[in-house]
Amino acid sequence: MPEDANRKYKFNWDLLGDLQLGRPNLGHQMRVEVYRLMQYSFRDVIEERYGSDEADRVFYEAGFLAGKAIYDNLIGQQEDLNAFIRKLQTVLKEMGIGILRVEEEDLNNGRITMTVAEDLDCSGLPETGIELCTFDEGFLAALLKSYSGKSFTVKEIDCWCTGDRTCRFSAQVNEE
């Protein structure tokens, strides 16, 4: 029996559906609270059943899957890093995910530091002292890998929930 035979579905871009057909009145409109309600209720259930570390792994992997899908379907191959960043900034802003800025870039040495302001996942949440954007870490890791072909580890180093007013991510190429 194939490995995927017991799955109810395997993620693909078609699962996003035809919003013009299915939501003729509401279309793309949805409040951020609804997204967060789904995300944090999922996270709570996963964390309660399997622990915080496993919840982080699941959210990172889900973010990675989403980042690859965004790259494949909305960004595509770009001529150079600047074109890639410009396209990514446009897509993230148009989709309401956040406002991306590159603070430092040294891809020759495998490093990049980015910020995401107005981050969909956490901007406006109360301070908890915990970086919250594990999904975003995987998301950005997949985008960087899709663009460069190199595997990156992405770690959030500043978060709205730790008192900062933007989320900052450090990305480092994995030594292979």
N, C-alpha and C. Protein backbone atom coordinates (compact mmCIF):
# COMPACT_ATOMS: atom_id res chain seq x y z
N MET A 1 0.85 -1.18 0.00
CA MET A 1 0.00 0.00 0.00
C MET A 1 0.90 1.24 0.00
N PRO A 2 0.63 2.22 -0.89
CA PRO A 2 1.45 3.44 -0.93
C PRO A 2 1.41 4.18 0.40
N GLU A 3 2.51 4.86 0.69
CA GLU A 3 2.64 5.59 1.95
C GLU A 3 1.50 6.58 2.18
N ASP A 4 1.02 7.25 1.13
CA ASP A 4 -0.01 8.27 1.26
C ASP A 4 -1.44 7.71 1.22
N ALA A 5 -1.60 6.40 1.12
CA ALA A 5 -2.92 5.80 0.94
C ALA A 5 -3.87 6.10 2.10
N ASN A 6 -3.36 6.25 3.30
CA ASN A 6 -4.23 6.50 4.45
C ASN A 6 -4.46 7.97 4.74
N ARG A 7 -3.89 8.84 3.94
CA ARG A 7 -4.07 10.28 4.14
C ARG A 7 -5.39 10.73 3.53
N LYS A 8 -6.04 11.68 4.17
CA LYS A 8 -7.27 12.23 3.61
C LYS A 8 -6.97 13.20 2.48
N TYR A 9 -5.86 13.90 2.59
CA TYR A 9 -5.41 14.75 1.50
C TYR A 9 -3.93 15.04 1.67
N LYS A 10 -3.30 15.35 0.56
CA LYS A 10 -1.91 15.78 0.54
C LYS A 10 -1.95 17.21 0.04
N PHE A 11 -1.25 18.10 0.72
CA PHE A 11 -1.31 19.51 0.35
C PHE A 11 -0.88 19.73 -1.09
N ASN A 12 -1.64 20.55 -1.78
CA ASN A 12 -1.26 21.08 -3.09
C ASN A 12 -1.97 22.41 -3.26
N TRP A 13 -1.50 23.18 -4.19
CA TRP A 13 -2.00 24.56 -4.39
C TRP A 13 -3.50 24.58 -4.69
N ASP A 14 -4.01 23.54 -5.32
CA ASP A 14 -5.44 23.49 -5.66
C ASP A 14 -6.33 23.51 -4.42
N LEU A 15 -5.81 23.11 -3.27
CA LEU A 15 -6.61 23.13 -2.05
C LEU A 15 -6.96 24.56 -1.60
N LEU A 16 -6.33 25.56 -2.20
CA LEU A 16 -6.70 26.94 -1.89
C LEU A 16 -8.03 27.30 -2.55
N GLY A 17 -8.38 26.57 -3.58
CA GLY A 17 -9.70 26.72 -4.19
C GLY A 17 -9.85 27.91 -5.11
N ASP A 18 -11.04 28.01 -5.65
CA ASP A 18 -11.45 29.12 -6.53
C ASP A 18 -12.30 30.06 -5.70
N LEU A 19 -11.68 31.12 -5.21
CA LEU A 19 -12.39 32.03 -4.30
C LEU A 19 -13.47 32.84 -5.02
N GLN A 20 -13.30 33.12 -6.29
CA GLN A 20 -14.36 33.83 -7.02
C GLN A 20 -15.62 32.98 -7.10
N LEU A 21 -15.43 31.69 -7.28
CA LEU A 21 -16.57 30.78 -7.35
C LEU A 21 -17.15 30.51 -5.96
N GLY A 22 -16.31 30.18 -5.01
CA GLY A 22 -16.78 29.74 -3.70
C GLY A 22 -17.12 30.85 -2.72
N ARG A 23 -16.55 32.03 -2.93
CA ARG A 23 -16.80 33.16 -2.02
C ARG A 23 -17.12 34.41 -2.84
N PRO A 24 -18.22 34.38 -3.61
CA PRO A 24 -18.50 35.51 -4.50
C PRO A 24 -18.75 36.82 -3.77
N ASN A 25 -19.16 36.77 -2.51
CA ASN A 25 -19.42 38.00 -1.77
C ASN A 25 -18.27 38.38 -0.84
N LEU A 26 -17.63 37.39 -0.25
CA LEU A 26 -16.55 37.67 0.70
C LEU A 26 -15.17 37.64 0.07
N GLY A 27 -15.02 36.90 -1.02
CA GLY A 27 -13.75 36.86 -1.75
C GLY A 27 -12.56 36.59 -0.84
N HIS A 28 -11.57 37.43 -0.93
CA HIS A 28 -10.34 37.28 -0.17
C HIS A 28 -10.45 37.86 1.25
N GLN A 29 -11.57 38.47 1.56
CA GLN A 29 -11.72 39.13 2.86
C GLN A 29 -11.79 38.14 4.01
N MET A 30 -10.96 38.37 5.01
CA MET A 30 -10.99 37.58 6.24
C MET A 30 -10.24 38.38 7.29
N ARG A 31 -10.74 38.39 8.47
CA ARG A 31 -10.06 39.12 9.54
C ARG A 31 -8.88 38.32 10.08
N VAL A 32 -7.85 39.03 10.50
CA VAL A 32 -6.65 38.41 11.04
C VAL A 32 -6.98 37.54 12.24
N GLU A 33 -7.95 37.95 13.04
CA GLU A 33 -8.33 37.17 14.21
C GLU A 33 -8.75 35.75 13.84
N VAL A 34 -9.39 35.58 12.69
CA VAL A 34 -9.84 34.26 12.27
C VAL A 34 -8.64 33.38 11.94
N TYR A 35 -7.68 33.94 11.23
CA TYR A 35 -6.45 33.19 10.94
C TYR A 35 -5.76 32.79 12.24
N ARG A 36 -5.63 33.73 13.16
CA ARG A 36 -4.96 33.43 14.42
C ARG A 36 -5.77 32.45 15.28
N LEU A 37 -7.07 32.54 15.22
CA LEU A 37 -7.91 31.58 15.94
C LEU A 37 -7.60 30.16 15.47
N MET A 38 -7.52 29.98 14.16
CA MET A 38 -7.21 28.66 13.64
C MET A 38 -5.78 28.26 14.01
N GLN A 39 -4.80 29.14 13.76
CA GLN A 39 -3.42 28.80 14.02
C GLN A 39 -3.17 28.46 15.49
N TYR A 40 -3.63 29.29 16.39
CA TYR A 40 -3.30 29.07 17.80
C TYR A 40 -4.14 28.00 18.46
N SER A 41 -5.33 27.72 17.93
CA SER A 41 -6.07 26.57 18.45
C SER A 41 -5.41 25.27 17.99
N PHE A 42 -4.96 25.22 16.73
CA PHE A 42 -4.19 24.05 16.27
C PHE A 42 -2.94 23.87 17.13
N ARG A 43 -2.23 24.96 17.33
CA ARG A 43 -0.98 24.89 18.09
C ARG A 43 -1.25 24.39 19.52
N ASP A 44 -2.30 24.86 20.14
CA ASP A 44 -2.63 24.45 21.50
C ASP A 44 -2.91 22.95 21.58
N VAL A 45 -3.69 22.44 20.63
CA VAL A 45 -4.02 21.02 20.63
C VAL A 45 -2.76 20.18 20.38
N ILE A 46 -1.95 20.58 19.41
CA ILE A 46 -0.72 19.83 19.11
C ILE A 46 0.22 19.87 20.32
N GLU A 47 0.37 21.04 20.91
CA GLU A 47 1.27 21.18 22.06
C GLU A 47 0.78 20.36 23.26
N GLU A 48 -0.53 20.37 23.50
CA GLU A 48 -1.07 19.61 24.62
C GLU A 48 -0.87 18.11 24.42
N ARG A 49 -1.05 17.64 23.19
CA ARG A 49 -0.91 16.20 22.92
C ARG A 49 0.53 15.73 22.80
N TYR A 50 1.37 16.55 22.17
CA TYR A 50 2.70 16.08 21.80
C TYR A 50 3.85 16.89 22.39
N GLY A 51 3.55 17.99 23.06
CA GLY A 51 4.59 18.81 23.67
C GLY A 51 4.99 19.99 22.80
N SER A 52 5.64 20.94 23.42
CA SER A 52 6.03 22.19 22.74
C SER A 52 7.04 21.96 21.63
N ASP A 53 8.01 21.09 21.86
CA ASP A 53 9.03 20.86 20.84
C ASP A 53 8.42 20.27 19.57
N GLU A 54 7.52 19.32 19.73
CA GLU A 54 6.87 18.72 18.56
C GLU A 54 5.96 19.74 17.87
N ALA A 55 5.27 20.56 18.64
CA ALA A 55 4.43 21.61 18.04
C ALA A 55 5.30 22.55 17.21
N ASP A 56 6.46 22.92 17.73
CA ASP A 56 7.38 23.77 16.97
C ASP A 56 7.81 23.08 15.67
N ARG A 57 8.13 21.79 15.74
CA ARG A 57 8.53 21.06 14.54
C ARG A 57 7.40 21.03 13.51
N VAL A 58 6.19 20.78 13.97
CA VAL A 58 5.04 20.73 13.05
C VAL A 58 4.82 22.09 12.39
N PHE A 59 4.87 23.15 13.17
CA PHE A 59 4.65 24.48 12.60
C PHE A 59 5.78 24.89 11.67
N TYR A 60 7.02 24.55 12.00
CA TYR A 60 8.15 24.84 11.11
C TYR A 60 7.97 24.10 9.78
N GLU A 61 7.64 22.81 9.85
CA GLU A 61 7.45 22.02 8.63
C GLU A 61 6.27 22.53 7.81
N ALA A 62 5.19 22.92 8.48
CA ALA A 62 4.04 23.47 7.77
C ALA A 62 4.42 24.79 7.10
N GLY A 63 5.18 25.62 7.80
CA GLY A 63 5.67 26.87 7.21
C GLY A 63 6.55 26.60 6.00
N PHE A 64 7.39 25.57 6.10
CA PHE A 64 8.26 25.21 4.99
C PHE A 64 7.43 24.79 3.77
N LEU A 65 6.42 23.99 3.99
CA LEU A 65 5.53 23.56 2.92
C LEU A 65 4.84 24.76 2.27
N ALA A 66 4.37 25.69 3.10
CA ALA A 66 3.70 26.89 2.59
C ALA A 66 4.67 27.78 1.83
N GLY A 67 5.89 27.94 2.35
CA GLY A 67 6.88 28.78 1.67
C GLY A 67 7.24 28.24 0.30
N LYS A 68 7.38 26.93 0.20
CA LYS A 68 7.68 26.31 -1.10
C LYS A 68 6.52 26.53 -2.06
N ALA A 69 5.29 26.39 -1.57
CA ALA A 69 4.12 26.60 -2.43
C ALA A 69 4.02 28.05 -2.91
N ILE A 70 4.31 28.99 -2.04
CA ILE A 70 4.30 30.41 -2.43
C ILE A 70 5.36 30.65 -3.50
N TYR A 71 6.55 30.11 -3.28
CA TYR A 71 7.62 30.29 -4.27
C TYR A 71 7.21 29.70 -5.62
N ASP A 72 6.76 28.45 -5.61
CA ASP A 72 6.43 27.76 -6.85
C ASP A 72 5.27 28.41 -7.60
N ASN A 73 4.29 28.94 -6.88
CA ASN A 73 3.07 29.43 -7.51
C ASN A 73 2.98 30.93 -7.68
N LEU A 74 3.72 31.70 -6.87
CA LEU A 74 3.58 33.16 -6.94
C LEU A 74 4.88 33.91 -7.20
N ILE A 75 6.01 33.27 -6.95
CA ILE A 75 7.27 33.98 -7.12
C ILE A 75 8.03 33.45 -8.32
N GLY A 76 8.38 32.18 -8.31
CA GLY A 76 9.10 31.58 -9.42
C GLY A 76 10.55 32.03 -9.50
N GLN A 77 11.26 31.44 -10.45
CA GLN A 77 12.68 31.74 -10.63
C GLN A 77 12.88 33.22 -10.92
N GLN A 78 13.83 33.82 -10.26
CA GLN A 78 14.15 35.24 -10.46
C GLN A 78 15.60 35.37 -10.93
N GLU A 79 15.89 36.47 -11.60
CA GLU A 79 17.22 36.64 -12.22
C GLU A 79 18.34 36.82 -11.21
N ASP A 80 18.04 37.40 -10.06
CA ASP A 80 19.08 37.58 -9.04
C ASP A 80 18.41 37.81 -7.68
N LEU A 81 19.22 37.94 -6.64
CA LEU A 81 18.70 38.09 -5.28
C LEU A 81 17.82 39.32 -5.15
N ASN A 82 18.22 40.43 -5.74
CA ASN A 82 17.42 41.66 -5.62
C ASN A 82 16.04 41.48 -6.24
N ALA A 83 15.98 40.84 -7.39
CA ALA A 83 14.68 40.59 -8.03
C ALA A 83 13.83 39.66 -7.17
N PHE A 84 14.46 38.63 -6.61
CA PHE A 84 13.75 37.70 -5.72
C PHE A 84 13.18 38.45 -4.51
N ILE A 85 13.99 39.25 -3.86
CA ILE A 85 13.54 40.00 -2.67
C ILE A 85 12.40 40.95 -3.04
N ARG A 86 12.54 41.67 -4.14
CA ARG A 86 11.47 42.60 -4.56
C ARG A 86 10.16 41.86 -4.79
N LYS A 87 10.24 40.73 -5.48
CA LYS A 87 9.03 39.94 -5.76
C LYS A 87 8.43 39.40 -4.46
N LEU A 88 9.30 38.89 -3.58
CA LEU A 88 8.83 38.38 -2.29
C LEU A 88 8.17 39.48 -1.47
N GLN A 89 8.78 40.66 -1.43
CA GLN A 89 8.19 41.79 -0.70
C GLN A 89 6.79 42.11 -1.23
N THR A 90 6.65 42.12 -2.53
CA THR A 90 5.36 42.43 -3.15
C THR A 90 4.32 41.37 -2.79
N VAL A 91 4.68 40.11 -2.92
CA VAL A 91 3.74 39.02 -2.62
C VAL A 91 3.32 39.06 -1.15
N LEU A 92 4.28 39.20 -0.24
CA LEU A 92 3.95 39.20 1.19
C LEU A 92 3.05 40.38 1.55
N LYS A 93 3.32 41.54 0.97
CA LYS A 93 2.48 42.71 1.26
C LYS A 93 1.09 42.56 0.66
N GLU A 94 1.02 42.13 -0.61
CA GLU A 94 -0.28 41.99 -1.26
C GLU A 94 -1.15 40.94 -0.57
N MET A 95 -0.53 39.89 -0.04
CA MET A 95 -1.30 38.84 0.63
C MET A 95 -1.59 39.19 2.09
N GLY A 96 -1.04 40.28 2.58
CA GLY A 96 -1.30 40.69 3.96
C GLY A 96 -0.51 39.88 4.98
N ILE A 97 0.57 39.24 4.55
CA ILE A 97 1.38 38.42 5.46
C ILE A 97 2.30 39.29 6.30
N GLY A 98 2.84 40.33 5.70
CA GLY A 98 3.73 41.23 6.42
C GLY A 98 4.56 42.05 5.45
N ILE A 99 5.36 42.93 6.03
CA ILE A 99 6.22 43.83 5.25
C ILE A 99 7.66 43.41 5.48
N LEU A 100 8.25 42.83 4.45
CA LEU A 100 9.60 42.27 4.53
C LEU A 100 10.65 43.33 4.23
N ARG A 101 11.72 43.28 5.02
CA ARG A 101 12.88 44.12 4.79
C ARG A 101 14.13 43.29 5.04
N VAL A 102 15.11 43.42 4.17
CA VAL A 102 16.39 42.75 4.38
C VAL A 102 17.30 43.74 5.08
N GLU A 103 17.80 43.35 6.25
CA GLU A 103 18.69 44.22 7.01
C GLU A 103 20.15 43.98 6.64
N GLU A 104 20.52 42.72 6.54
CA GLU A 104 21.89 42.35 6.18
C GLU A 104 21.83 41.18 5.23
N GLU A 105 22.71 41.20 4.24
CA GLU A 105 22.75 40.10 3.29
C GLU A 105 24.20 39.82 2.93
N ASP A 106 24.61 38.61 3.13
CA ASP A 106 25.94 38.15 2.75
C ASP A 106 25.80 36.69 2.30
N LEU A 107 25.16 36.50 1.16
CA LEU A 107 24.92 35.14 0.69
C LEU A 107 26.21 34.42 0.32
N ASN A 108 27.28 35.19 0.02
CA ASN A 108 28.58 34.54 -0.24
C ASN A 108 29.04 33.76 0.99
N ASN A 109 28.71 34.26 2.17
CA ASN A 109 29.03 33.57 3.42
C ASN A 109 27.81 32.89 4.03
N GLY A 110 26.71 32.85 3.26
CA GLY A 110 25.53 32.10 3.67
C GLY A 110 24.72 32.70 4.78
N ARG A 111 24.65 34.06 4.85
CA ARG A 111 23.89 34.70 5.93
C ARG A 111 22.97 35.78 5.37
N ILE A 112 21.82 35.88 6.02
CA ILE A 112 20.89 36.96 5.70
C ILE A 112 20.05 37.23 6.94
N THR A 113 19.80 38.50 7.21
CA THR A 113 18.92 38.91 8.32
C THR A 113 17.78 39.71 7.73
N MET A 114 16.56 39.29 8.08
CA MET A 114 15.36 39.92 7.53
C MET A 114 14.41 40.30 8.67
N THR A 115 13.60 41.31 8.42
CA THR A 115 12.53 41.63 9.36
C THR A 115 11.20 41.51 8.62
N VAL A 116 10.17 41.19 9.40
CA VAL A 116 8.80 41.19 8.88
C VAL A 116 7.98 42.04 9.84
N ALA A 117 7.62 43.24 9.38
CA ALA A 117 6.77 44.13 10.17
C ALA A 117 5.31 43.78 9.90
N GLU A 118 4.47 44.10 10.85
CA GLU A 118 3.04 43.80 10.76
C GLU A 118 2.80 42.33 10.46
N ASP A 119 3.62 41.49 11.06
CA ASP A 119 3.59 40.04 10.85
C ASP A 119 2.21 39.48 11.16
N LEU A 120 1.67 38.72 10.24
CA LEU A 120 0.35 38.13 10.38
C LEU A 120 0.23 37.28 11.64
N ASP A 121 1.31 36.60 12.02
CA ASP A 121 1.25 35.67 13.14
C ASP A 121 1.21 36.35 14.51
N CYS A 122 1.87 37.50 14.68
CA CYS A 122 2.02 37.95 16.06
C CYS A 122 1.89 39.45 16.30
N SER A 123 1.96 40.28 15.32
CA SER A 123 1.93 41.72 15.57
C SER A 123 0.65 42.11 16.30
N GLY A 124 0.84 42.77 17.43
CA GLY A 124 -0.30 43.19 18.25
C GLY A 124 -0.63 42.24 19.38
N LEU A 125 0.01 41.08 19.44
CA LEU A 125 -0.24 40.15 20.54
C LEU A 125 0.42 40.65 21.83
N PRO A 126 -0.02 40.15 22.97
CA PRO A 126 0.62 40.56 24.23
C PRO A 126 2.05 40.01 24.33
N GLU A 127 2.87 40.69 25.10
CA GLU A 127 4.23 40.21 25.35
C GLU A 127 4.16 38.94 26.20
N THR A 128 4.87 37.91 25.72
CA THR A 128 4.93 36.64 26.45
C THR A 128 6.36 36.28 26.81
N GLY A 129 7.33 36.99 26.20
CA GLY A 129 8.73 36.65 26.41
C GLY A 129 9.20 35.49 25.56
N ILE A 130 8.35 35.02 24.64
CA ILE A 130 8.67 33.85 23.81
C ILE A 130 8.54 34.24 22.34
N GLU A 131 9.58 33.91 21.55
CA GLU A 131 9.45 34.09 20.11
C GLU A 131 8.39 33.13 19.61
N LEU A 132 7.48 33.62 18.82
CA LEU A 132 6.28 32.87 18.48
C LEU A 132 6.22 32.39 17.03
N CYS A 133 7.07 32.90 16.19
CA CYS A 133 6.87 32.76 14.75
C CYS A 133 7.60 31.56 14.14
N THR A 134 7.36 30.39 14.69
CA THR A 134 7.99 29.16 14.19
C THR A 134 7.53 28.85 12.77
N PHE A 135 6.26 29.08 12.47
CA PHE A 135 5.74 28.88 11.12
C PHE A 135 6.54 29.75 10.14
N ASP A 136 6.77 31.00 10.52
CA ASP A 136 7.51 31.94 9.66
C ASP A 136 8.94 31.48 9.43
N GLU A 137 9.56 30.87 10.44
CA GLU A 137 10.92 30.36 10.28
C GLU A 137 10.97 29.34 9.14
N GLY A 138 10.06 28.39 9.17
CA GLY A 138 10.01 27.38 8.11
C GLY A 138 9.65 27.99 6.76
N PHE A 139 8.74 28.95 6.78
CA PHE A 139 8.29 29.65 5.58
C PHE A 139 9.47 30.32 4.88
N LEU A 140 10.23 31.08 5.66
CA LEU A 140 11.38 31.79 5.10
C LEU A 140 12.49 30.82 4.67
N ALA A 141 12.69 29.76 5.43
CA ALA A 141 13.70 28.76 5.06
C ALA A 141 13.38 28.15 3.69
N ALA A 142 12.12 27.85 3.45
CA ALA A 142 11.72 27.27 2.16
C ALA A 142 11.88 28.27 1.02
N LEU A 143 11.53 29.52 1.26
CA LEU A 143 11.68 30.54 0.22
C LEU A 143 13.14 30.70 -0.17
N LEU A 144 14.02 30.76 0.84
CA LEU A 144 15.45 30.92 0.57
C LEU A 144 16.01 29.70 -0.15
N LYS A 145 15.60 28.51 0.27
CA LYS A 145 16.07 27.29 -0.39
C LYS A 145 15.55 27.22 -1.82
N SER A 146 14.30 27.56 -2.02
CA SER A 146 13.73 27.53 -3.36
C SER A 146 14.45 28.49 -4.30
N TYR A 147 14.82 29.66 -3.79
CA TYR A 147 15.54 30.63 -4.61
C TYR A 147 16.98 30.19 -4.87
N SER A 148 17.69 29.80 -3.82
CA SER A 148 19.14 29.58 -3.92
C SER A 148 19.56 28.14 -4.17
N GLY A 149 18.67 27.19 -3.86
CA GLY A 149 19.05 25.79 -3.95
C GLY A 149 19.83 25.30 -2.74
N LYS A 150 20.07 26.20 -1.78
CA LYS A 150 20.82 25.85 -0.58
C LYS A 150 19.87 25.75 0.61
N SER A 151 20.15 24.82 1.50
CA SER A 151 19.34 24.62 2.69
C SER A 151 19.73 25.64 3.76
N PHE A 152 18.74 26.32 4.33
CA PHE A 152 18.95 27.33 5.36
C PHE A 152 18.30 26.92 6.66
N THR A 153 18.92 27.31 7.75
CA THR A 153 18.26 27.29 9.06
C THR A 153 17.86 28.72 9.35
N VAL A 154 16.59 28.92 9.66
CA VAL A 154 16.09 30.26 9.96
C VAL A 154 15.63 30.25 11.40
N LYS A 155 16.04 31.26 12.15
CA LYS A 155 15.67 31.39 13.57
C LYS A 155 15.18 32.81 13.82
N GLU A 156 14.04 32.90 14.48
CA GLU A 156 13.55 34.22 14.88
C GLU A 156 14.39 34.70 16.06
N ILE A 157 14.91 35.91 15.96
CA ILE A 157 15.76 36.45 17.02
C ILE A 157 15.12 37.62 17.74
N ASP A 158 14.10 38.23 17.15
CA ASP A 158 13.30 39.28 17.80
C ASP A 158 11.86 39.05 17.39
N CYS A 159 10.93 39.32 18.30
CA CYS A 159 9.51 39.06 18.03
C CYS A 159 8.68 40.12 18.74
N TRP A 160 7.52 40.40 18.19
CA TRP A 160 6.58 41.31 18.84
C TRP A 160 6.32 40.82 20.28
N CYS A 161 6.22 39.52 20.43
CA CYS A 161 5.87 38.94 21.73
C CYS A 161 7.02 38.97 22.75
N THR A 162 8.22 39.38 22.30
CA THR A 162 9.33 39.56 23.24
C THR A 162 9.60 41.04 23.46
N GLY A 163 8.69 41.88 22.99
CA GLY A 163 8.81 43.31 23.23
C GLY A 163 9.30 44.12 22.04
N ASP A 164 9.68 43.46 20.97
CA ASP A 164 10.10 44.18 19.77
C ASP A 164 8.87 44.53 18.96
N ARG A 165 9.00 45.44 18.05
CA ARG A 165 7.85 45.83 17.26
C ARG A 165 7.97 45.40 15.81
N THR A 166 8.87 44.47 15.59
CA THR A 166 9.00 43.79 14.30
C THR A 166 9.59 42.42 14.59
N CYS A 167 9.35 41.49 13.71
CA CYS A 167 9.95 40.16 13.85
C CYS A 167 11.23 40.13 13.02
N ARG A 168 12.29 39.68 13.62
CA ARG A 168 13.60 39.63 12.96
C ARG A 168 14.05 38.17 12.89
N PHE A 169 14.55 37.81 11.71
CA PHE A 169 14.94 36.43 11.46
C PHE A 169 16.38 36.39 10.95
N SER A 170 17.14 35.49 11.52
CA SER A 170 18.50 35.23 11.08
C SER A 170 18.50 33.93 10.29
N ALA A 171 19.02 33.98 9.07
CA ALA A 171 19.09 32.79 8.23
C ALA A 171 20.55 32.47 7.94
N GLN A 172 20.88 31.19 8.07
CA GLN A 172 22.25 30.73 7.86
C GLN A 172 22.20 29.48 6.99
N VAL A 173 23.06 29.45 5.96
CA VAL A 173 23.15 28.26 5.12
C VAL A 173 23.66 27.10 5.97
N ASN A 174 23.03 25.95 5.82
CA ASN A 174 23.48 24.74 6.52
C ASN A 174 24.74 24.21 5.87
N GLU A 175 25.72 23.87 6.67
CA GLU A 175 26.93 23.25 6.15
C GLU A 175 26.59 21.81 5.79
N GLU A 176 26.93 21.41 4.59
CA GLU A 176 26.57 20.06 4.14
C GLU A 176 27.77 19.18 4.02
